[in-house]
Amino acid sequence: MKDKKPISFIALKIFSGIIIVSIILTSGCVDLGDKAKDVIGVKIYGYTNVYPSSTINANFEGNNQTFRNVSTLASQYYSVEDVLPTEGIPPEDAGILLSQFENNSTIYLVKVLVPHDKKMFDDEYPEYLTFFIHQNSTDMAWSAIPWSTRNYPQDFVADIVKLSFNVSDREGDQYAEIFGEKISTVSIPHQPEVRAIVDYLNESGDPSIKPLGNGNYLIEFFNDSLPYGYKTAGSIFVHTEYLKITHTTESARYEIMIDRSGNLNTNIKTWLDGVSLEEGKVVLKGMFEDIGLDTELIDEFEFEVYVV
């Protein structure tokens, strides 16, 4: 069978990166087309340079600060938006995930590792059954598009569907059969049973949490015994409430995103001949001081640049 590396392995390694870039490019940084905004008397048709930062922690406890205190201070100087999750489903019961995800959080994507003997490709890369969770339905997909369905593990898919959605054997078998016809996305008109999925992944590996920014978290379940370089038995993507603090000037737009756990990231959005990164960091330090955050945190960020 042909090697799938160009399709699935690269996609697997950059999947989180795609989500991060999507976060950056859909958080208000671009307003393209003929419609312009009036911002303090200046027509802005779209930012061309975006400097997104890494995600760090503000250490609320160590700095005697809270999420709500930051919101109160920020509202005195800047535009403040309290952003709540819009996709996915909330954890069903307290204690399923860590306490930081108990309030105003949703699970919107789940990946379950396919057992080595159930893989569709004869190679050294892992494969995942993936669930994109919406308000009233769930899209099921495979981590790679196979050249053939000859090795499709229908029994495994049926078992995961039954476990994840608490459906009858007959219904689970039907979804697995439909999915196996082309291995293209199949919509299931149910929301998954979160506890069942989390319990299954907890038995498969040890959880590790990584903040991605804009209230997004990746929970990966690592298992060192897996025969892959990427030793993740599955993962869960969580979105939680965060504040978006915005300051707009004639030459740039500055955004600070911070959640209840104190994890925060920033964006500087400008033009090719707008502010430099160093100039933007000076403005961010002023914003941090205004909202009660340690200005030295700015020096801990790692910034990238996107030209859009």
Protein backbone atom coordinates (compact mmCIF):
# COMPACT_ATOMS: atom_id res chain seq x y z
CA MET A 1 0.00 0.00 0.00
CA LYS A 2 1.21 3.51 -0.74
CA ASP A 3 2.91 5.55 1.95
CA LYS A 4 0.54 8.10 3.50
CA LYS A 5 3.17 10.35 5.05
CA PRO A 6 2.37 13.42 2.89
CA ILE A 7 -1.29 13.22 3.93
CA SER A 8 -1.66 12.04 7.47
CA PHE A 9 1.60 12.28 9.37
CA ILE A 10 2.24 15.90 8.47
CA ALA A 11 -1.41 16.70 9.19
CA LEU A 12 -1.09 14.96 12.55
CA LYS A 13 2.01 16.93 13.54
CA ILE A 14 0.60 20.32 12.55
CA PHE A 15 -3.02 19.77 13.62
CA SER A 16 -2.65 21.86 16.78
CA GLY A 17 -0.81 24.48 14.78
CA ILE A 18 -3.71 24.75 12.36
CA ILE A 19 -6.06 25.36 15.25
CA ILE A 20 -3.76 28.05 16.64
CA VAL A 21 -3.52 29.79 13.26
CA SER A 22 -7.30 29.57 12.90
CA ILE A 23 -7.66 31.19 16.32
CA ILE A 24 -5.41 34.03 15.20
CA LEU A 25 -7.08 34.60 11.87
CA THR A 26 -10.65 34.45 13.15
CA SER A 27 -10.33 36.64 16.22
CA GLY A 28 -11.01 39.89 14.42
CA CYS A 29 -7.62 40.50 12.84
CA VAL A 30 -8.77 40.78 9.22
CA ASP A 31 -11.62 42.70 7.67
CA LEU A 32 -11.05 42.19 3.97
CA GLY A 33 -13.24 43.17 1.04
CA ASP A 34 -14.97 46.45 0.26
CA LYS A 35 -16.53 46.97 3.65
CA ALA A 36 -14.37 49.17 5.87
CA LYS A 37 -14.45 50.02 9.54
CA ASP A 38 -14.32 53.47 11.05
CA VAL A 39 -11.84 53.33 13.90
CA ILE A 40 -11.16 56.66 15.60
CA GLY A 41 -11.66 58.44 12.30
CA VAL A 42 -9.35 56.20 10.26
CA LYS A 43 -10.60 53.82 7.57
CA ILE A 44 -9.12 50.37 8.17
CA TYR A 45 -9.61 47.91 5.32
CA GLY A 46 -7.68 45.06 6.86
CA TYR A 47 -4.52 44.38 8.83
CA THR A 48 -1.68 42.87 6.84
CA ASN A 49 0.78 41.96 9.62
CA VAL A 50 -0.16 39.91 12.66
CA TYR A 51 2.26 39.25 15.53
CA PRO A 52 0.73 36.44 17.63
CA SER A 53 2.41 35.47 20.87
CA SER A 54 2.93 32.18 22.62
CA THR A 55 0.74 31.32 25.61
CA ILE A 56 2.06 31.85 29.13
CA ASN A 57 0.56 32.01 32.62
CA ALA A 58 -0.03 35.26 34.51
CA ASN A 59 0.33 33.60 37.94
CA PHE A 60 -2.84 35.09 39.41
CA GLU A 61 -2.17 33.70 42.87
CA GLY A 62 1.42 34.89 43.08
CA ASN A 63 0.45 38.39 41.96
CA ASN A 64 -2.68 38.63 44.14
CA GLN A 65 -4.84 38.96 41.04
CA THR A 66 -8.05 37.35 39.75
CA PHE A 67 -9.84 36.93 36.45
CA ARG A 68 -12.63 39.32 37.48
CA ASN A 69 -10.22 41.93 38.83
CA VAL A 70 -8.46 41.98 35.48
CA SER A 71 -11.83 42.41 33.75
CA THR A 72 -12.81 45.29 36.04
CA LEU A 73 -9.51 47.13 35.55
CA ALA A 74 -9.43 46.53 31.81
CA SER A 75 -12.95 47.90 31.32
CA GLN A 76 -11.76 51.27 32.64
CA TYR A 77 -9.31 51.68 29.74
CA TYR A 78 -10.13 49.29 26.92
CA SER A 79 -12.80 47.33 25.11
CA VAL A 80 -13.47 44.10 27.00
CA GLU A 81 -15.37 41.10 25.62
CA ASP A 82 -16.28 38.12 27.79
CA VAL A 83 -16.00 35.27 25.28
CA LEU A 84 -17.90 32.05 25.95
CA PRO A 85 -17.55 28.76 24.01
CA THR A 86 -20.01 28.39 21.13
CA GLU A 87 -19.16 24.89 19.85
CA GLY A 88 -19.00 21.54 21.59
CA ILE A 89 -20.68 20.27 24.73
CA PRO A 90 -19.99 20.92 28.43
CA PRO A 91 -18.57 18.16 30.64
CA GLU A 92 -21.51 16.23 32.04
CA ASP A 93 -20.36 16.00 35.66
CA ALA A 94 -17.84 17.77 37.83
CA GLY A 95 -14.69 15.74 38.21
CA ILE A 96 -14.57 14.31 34.70
CA LEU A 97 -11.90 16.82 33.77
CA LEU A 98 -9.78 19.09 35.93
CA SER A 99 -11.63 21.69 37.99
CA GLN A 100 -10.49 24.52 35.71
CA PHE A 101 -12.87 23.18 33.06
CA GLU A 102 -15.96 22.79 35.23
CA ASN A 103 -17.51 26.21 34.46
CA ASN A 104 -18.20 27.73 31.04
CA SER A 105 -16.16 25.10 29.20
CA THR A 106 -16.94 22.78 26.31
CA ILE A 107 -15.30 19.79 24.66
CA TYR A 108 -15.33 20.32 20.89
CA LEU A 109 -12.96 17.71 19.44
CA VAL A 110 -11.91 14.20 20.45
CA LYS A 111 -9.30 11.90 18.88
CA VAL A 112 -9.12 8.19 19.69
CA LEU A 113 -6.10 6.12 18.68
CA VAL A 114 -6.74 3.21 16.34
CA PRO A 115 -5.11 -0.01 17.70
CA HIS A 116 -1.97 -0.97 15.81
CA ASP A 117 -3.54 -4.14 14.43
CA LYS A 118 -6.60 -2.18 13.21
CA LYS A 119 -4.73 0.43 11.19
CA MET A 120 -5.59 0.97 7.55
CA PHE A 121 -2.03 1.77 6.52
CA ASP A 122 1.01 -0.46 6.81
CA ASP A 123 3.45 2.14 8.11
CA GLU A 124 5.00 3.53 11.30
CA TYR A 125 2.49 6.34 11.90
CA PRO A 126 -0.51 6.36 14.24
CA GLU A 127 -4.07 6.75 13.02
CA TYR A 128 -6.99 8.32 14.85
CA LEU A 129 -10.76 8.22 14.78
CA THR A 130 -11.81 11.84 15.24
CA PHE A 131 -15.05 13.41 16.47
CA PHE A 132 -15.88 17.08 15.81
CA ILE A 133 -18.60 17.92 18.32
CA HIS A 134 -21.34 20.46 17.50
CA GLN A 135 -24.41 21.58 19.42
CA ASN A 136 -26.76 18.92 18.06
CA SER A 137 -24.56 16.53 16.12
CA THR A 138 -21.06 15.09 15.80
CA ASP A 139 -18.94 14.66 12.67
CA MET A 140 -16.85 11.48 12.61
CA ALA A 141 -13.69 11.40 10.49
CA TRP A 142 -10.43 9.46 10.02
CA SER A 143 -7.02 11.06 10.50
CA ALA A 144 -6.03 10.14 6.93
CA ILE A 145 -7.76 9.50 3.63
CA PRO A 146 -6.88 5.95 2.56
CA TRP A 147 -6.35 4.84 -1.01
CA SER A 148 -8.54 1.83 -0.33
CA THR A 149 -11.09 0.72 2.27
CA ARG A 150 -9.84 -2.87 2.11
CA ASN A 151 -8.40 -2.76 5.62
CA TYR A 152 -11.23 -0.76 7.17
CA PRO A 153 -11.71 -1.91 10.83
CA GLN A 154 -15.50 -1.73 10.90
CA ASP A 155 -15.84 -3.63 14.19
CA PHE A 156 -13.48 -1.21 15.97
CA VAL A 157 -15.33 1.84 14.66
CA ALA A 158 -18.69 0.32 15.64
CA ASP A 159 -17.41 -0.38 19.16
CA ILE A 160 -16.13 3.19 19.61
CA VAL A 161 -19.39 4.66 18.30
CA LYS A 162 -21.42 2.51 20.71
CA LEU A 163 -19.15 3.46 23.60
CA SER A 164 -19.06 7.16 22.75
CA PHE A 165 -22.73 7.72 21.97
CA ASN A 166 -24.52 5.08 24.03
CA VAL A 167 -26.44 3.88 20.98
CA SER A 168 -27.76 0.40 20.24
CA ASP A 169 -25.59 -2.25 18.61
CA ARG A 170 -27.66 -1.95 15.47
CA GLU A 171 -27.29 1.83 15.23
CA GLY A 172 -23.56 1.68 15.97
CA ASP A 173 -23.06 -0.94 13.26
CA GLN A 174 -25.00 1.19 10.79
CA TYR A 175 -22.85 4.28 11.33
CA ALA A 176 -19.68 2.20 11.07
CA GLU A 177 -20.90 0.64 7.83
CA ILE A 178 -21.81 4.01 6.30
CA PHE A 179 -18.49 5.49 7.37
CA GLY A 180 -16.59 2.60 5.84
CA GLU A 181 -18.05 3.10 2.38
CA LYS A 182 -15.78 6.06 1.58
CA ILE A 183 -14.06 6.97 4.88
CA SER A 184 -15.42 10.47 4.44
CA THR A 185 -16.99 12.51 7.20
CA VAL A 186 -20.22 11.10 8.62
CA SER A 187 -22.60 13.19 10.69
CA ILE A 188 -24.06 11.48 13.76
CA PRO A 189 -27.19 13.23 15.13
CA HIS A 190 -26.11 12.69 18.73
CA GLN A 191 -23.80 14.28 21.26
CA PRO A 192 -21.19 11.93 22.68
CA GLU A 193 -21.16 10.69 26.27
CA VAL A 194 -18.24 12.66 27.68
CA ARG A 195 -17.67 10.49 30.73
CA ALA A 196 -17.39 7.32 28.64
CA ILE A 197 -14.82 8.91 26.33
CA VAL A 198 -12.73 10.39 29.13
CA ASP A 199 -12.76 7.12 31.06
CA TYR A 200 -11.66 5.24 27.94
CA LEU A 201 -8.79 7.68 27.28
CA ASN A 202 -7.73 7.69 30.95
CA GLU A 203 -7.33 3.92 30.71
CA SER A 204 -5.27 4.34 27.55
CA GLY A 205 -2.76 6.94 28.69
CA ASP A 206 -1.75 9.63 31.18
CA PRO A 207 -3.30 13.07 30.58
CA SER A 208 -1.17 16.16 29.97
CA ILE A 209 -2.68 19.62 29.45
CA LYS A 210 -1.33 22.25 27.08
CA PRO A 211 -2.89 25.74 26.75
CA LEU A 212 -3.22 26.82 23.13
CA GLY A 213 -4.44 30.38 23.65
CA ASN A 214 -7.81 32.09 23.34
CA GLY A 215 -9.23 29.80 26.02
CA ASN A 216 -8.34 26.64 24.07
CA TYR A 217 -6.65 23.62 25.69
CA LEU A 218 -5.27 20.37 24.34
CA ILE A 219 -5.44 17.38 26.69
CA GLU A 220 -3.25 14.57 25.38
CA PHE A 221 -3.17 11.07 26.84
CA PHE A 222 0.40 9.81 26.57
CA ASN A 223 1.42 6.15 26.56
CA ASP A 224 5.13 5.40 26.30
CA SER A 225 4.45 1.81 25.25
CA LEU A 226 2.99 2.85 21.90
CA PRO A 227 5.13 1.85 18.89
CA TYR A 228 5.19 5.38 17.45
CA GLY A 229 7.28 8.50 17.79
CA TYR A 230 4.08 10.37 18.64
CA LYS A 231 2.98 8.47 21.75
CA THR A 232 -0.52 9.84 22.21
CA ALA A 233 -3.37 7.40 22.77
CA GLY A 234 -5.92 10.12 22.17
CA SER A 235 -6.68 13.74 22.84
CA ILE A 236 -9.44 16.14 23.82
CA PHE A 237 -9.73 19.78 22.80
CA VAL A 238 -11.46 22.03 25.34
CA HIS A 239 -12.63 25.62 24.98
CA THR A 240 -13.20 27.70 28.10
CA GLU A 241 -14.33 31.24 28.91
CA TYR A 242 -11.79 34.00 28.34
CA LEU A 243 -11.52 37.79 28.25
CA LYS A 244 -10.57 39.56 25.03
CA ILE A 245 -9.13 42.98 25.85
CA THR A 246 -8.70 45.24 22.82
CA HIS A 247 -6.92 48.55 22.30
CA THR A 248 -7.08 50.15 18.83
CA THR A 249 -4.87 53.01 17.65
CA GLU A 250 -4.35 54.65 14.27
CA SER A 251 -1.51 52.29 13.45
CA ALA A 252 -2.38 48.97 15.12
CA ARG A 253 -4.76 46.87 17.13
CA TYR A 254 -3.62 45.18 20.35
CA GLU A 255 -5.41 42.19 21.85
CA ILE A 256 -4.92 40.38 25.14
CA MET A 257 -6.72 37.06 25.66
CA ILE A 258 -6.76 35.69 29.22
CA ASP A 259 -8.79 32.89 30.79
CA ARG A 260 -9.82 31.99 34.34
CA SER A 261 -6.63 29.98 34.91
CA GLY A 262 -4.49 32.98 34.04
CA ASN A 263 -3.26 31.56 30.75
CA LEU A 264 -2.92 34.38 28.28
CA ASN A 265 -1.72 35.25 24.80
CA THR A 266 -1.61 38.44 22.76
CA ASN A 267 -1.91 39.67 19.19
CA ILE A 268 -0.48 42.80 17.57
CA LYS A 269 -2.22 43.57 14.27
CA THR A 270 -0.85 46.24 11.96
CA TRP A 271 0.28 46.99 8.39
CA LEU A 272 3.56 46.54 6.55
CA ASP A 273 4.46 50.14 7.34
CA GLY A 274 2.74 50.12 10.74
CA VAL A 275 4.31 49.47 14.14
CA SER A 276 7.26 47.14 14.60
CA LEU A 277 7.13 44.22 16.99
CA GLU A 278 9.32 46.06 19.50
CA GLU A 279 7.08 49.12 19.36
CA GLY A 280 4.04 46.92 19.82
CA LYS A 281 5.56 45.24 22.87
CA VAL A 282 5.98 48.65 24.50
CA VAL A 283 2.26 49.30 24.06
CA LEU A 284 1.42 45.86 25.45
CA LYS A 285 3.51 46.58 28.54
CA GLY A 286 1.44 49.69 29.13
CA MET A 287 -1.74 47.67 28.77
CA PHE A 288 -0.48 45.04 31.20
CA GLU A 289 0.27 47.73 33.75
CA ASP A 290 -3.24 49.20 33.34
CA ILE A 291 -4.97 45.85 33.93
CA GLY A 292 -2.87 44.78 36.88
CA LEU A 293 -0.55 42.25 35.20
CA ASP A 294 3.21 42.03 35.59
CA THR A 295 4.75 43.96 32.67
CA GLU A 296 7.79 41.65 32.69
CA LEU A 297 5.54 38.91 31.33
CA ILE A 298 5.81 40.57 27.92
CA ASP A 299 9.48 39.55 27.76
CA GLU A 300 8.48 35.90 28.31
CA PHE A 301 6.36 35.77 25.17
CA GLU A 302 7.65 34.33 21.93
CA PHE A 303 6.20 36.14 18.92
CA GLU A 304 5.70 34.99 15.34
CA VAL A 305 4.65 36.97 12.30
CA TYR A 306 1.90 36.23 9.81
CA VAL A 307 1.36 38.23 6.66
CA VAL A 308 -2.28 38.06 5.57
